[in-house]
Protein backbone atom coordinates (compact mmCIF):
# COMPACT_ATOMS: atom_id res chain seq x y z
CA MET A 1 72.07 56.90 23.55
CA MET A 2 71.65 53.12 23.50
CA LYS A 3 69.54 52.02 20.53
CA PRO A 4 66.95 49.22 20.79
CA GLU A 5 69.10 46.82 18.79
CA GLU A 6 72.13 47.63 20.98
CA PHE A 7 70.12 46.97 24.12
CA ARG A 8 68.95 43.60 22.73
CA ALA A 9 72.53 42.75 21.69
CA TRP A 10 73.75 43.62 25.21
CA ARG A 11 71.17 41.31 26.79
CA ARG A 12 71.93 38.47 24.42
CA SER A 13 75.70 38.90 24.85
CA LEU A 14 75.24 38.09 28.55
CA GLY A 15 72.99 35.14 27.70
CA LEU A 16 70.03 36.70 29.51
CA LYS A 17 66.37 36.15 28.75
CA GLN A 18 64.19 39.25 28.93
CA LYS A 19 62.91 38.15 32.35
CA ASP A 20 66.46 37.70 33.66
CA ALA A 21 67.59 41.10 32.33
CA ALA A 22 64.56 42.70 33.99
CA GLU A 23 65.40 41.13 37.34
CA ARG A 24 69.07 42.11 37.17
CA LEU A 25 68.21 45.69 36.19
CA GLY A 26 65.35 46.01 38.69
CA LEU A 27 62.75 46.50 35.97
CA LYS A 28 59.64 44.73 34.73
CA LYS A 29 59.91 42.38 31.76
CA ARG A 30 57.51 44.60 29.83
CA VAL A 31 59.92 47.54 30.12
CA ILE A 32 62.69 45.40 28.64
CA GLN A 33 60.38 44.63 25.73
CA TYR A 34 59.71 48.36 25.19
CA TYR A 35 63.43 49.13 25.22
CA GLU A 36 64.08 46.40 22.66
CA LYS A 37 61.26 47.56 20.37
CA GLY A 38 62.05 51.24 20.86
CA HIS A 39 58.41 52.17 21.18
CA ARG A 40 55.25 51.65 23.17
CA ASP A 41 51.81 52.25 21.69
CA GLY A 42 53.37 54.21 18.83
CA LYS A 43 55.42 56.45 21.14
CA ARG A 44 59.19 56.36 21.20
CA VAL A 45 60.81 54.74 24.23
CA ASP A 46 64.45 55.54 24.96
CA VAL A 47 66.75 53.54 27.20
CA PRO A 48 67.51 55.92 30.10
CA ARG A 49 71.12 56.74 30.85
CA THR A 50 70.78 55.11 34.26
CA VAL A 51 69.84 51.82 32.57
CA GLU A 52 72.73 52.19 30.11
CA LEU A 53 75.11 52.57 33.05
CA ALA A 54 73.54 49.60 34.84
CA CYS A 55 74.07 47.55 31.67
CA LEU A 56 77.73 48.56 31.68
CA ALA A 57 78.12 47.61 35.34
CA LEU A 58 76.54 44.20 34.76
CA SER A 59 78.77 43.66 31.73
CA LEU A 60 81.78 44.33 33.95
CA GLY A 61 80.54 41.86 36.55
CA CYS A 62 79.41 44.42 39.12
CA GLU A 63 76.13 43.29 40.66
CA ARG A 64 76.08 45.81 43.52
CA TYR A 65 77.68 49.13 44.36
CA ASP A 66 78.25 50.18 47.94
CA GLY A 67 79.28 53.78 47.31
CA ARG A 68 83.04 53.31 47.59
CA PRO A 69 85.12 55.56 45.33
CA LEU A 70 85.64 54.14 41.87
CA PRO A 71 89.07 53.71 40.27
CA ARG A 72 90.21 56.48 37.95
CA SER A 73 91.72 54.07 35.43
CA ALA A 74 90.13 51.23 33.48
CA SER A 75 93.20 49.15 34.33
CA ASP A 76 92.03 49.20 37.96
CA LEU A 77 88.60 47.75 37.17
CA PRO A 78 89.46 44.07 37.87
CA THR A 79 90.16 45.08 41.47
CA LEU A 80 86.79 46.80 41.63
CA GLN A 81 85.05 43.75 40.17
CA ALA A 82 86.59 41.43 42.73
CA SER A 83 85.66 43.68 45.62
CA SER A 84 82.11 44.21 44.30
CA ARG A 85 81.49 40.46 44.40
CA THR A 86 82.36 40.26 48.06
CA ALA A 87 79.21 39.87 50.14
CA ARG A 88 78.44 42.78 52.41
CA PRO A 89 77.58 41.95 56.05
CA GLU A 90 74.00 43.22 55.75
CA ASP A 91 73.24 41.15 52.62
């Protein structure tokens, strides 16, 4: 599970402001703030696995995913990154 300080470190490592991270992850800025604090109104807030995976994808340079099969090896990821940056016709 991604801890609040790890989430903040991820955002900062990409040079993103909270607003920018929210936009890239499809969330509201306030949710980013909750993830970074680890709580909301005294209740624990965890970073969902889906957000963790989205953080990984953004770290790898993948802004969109069109459903194509993923490579089985990490050594194949640069090919995936290059193809994920190609604009799709409907974009």
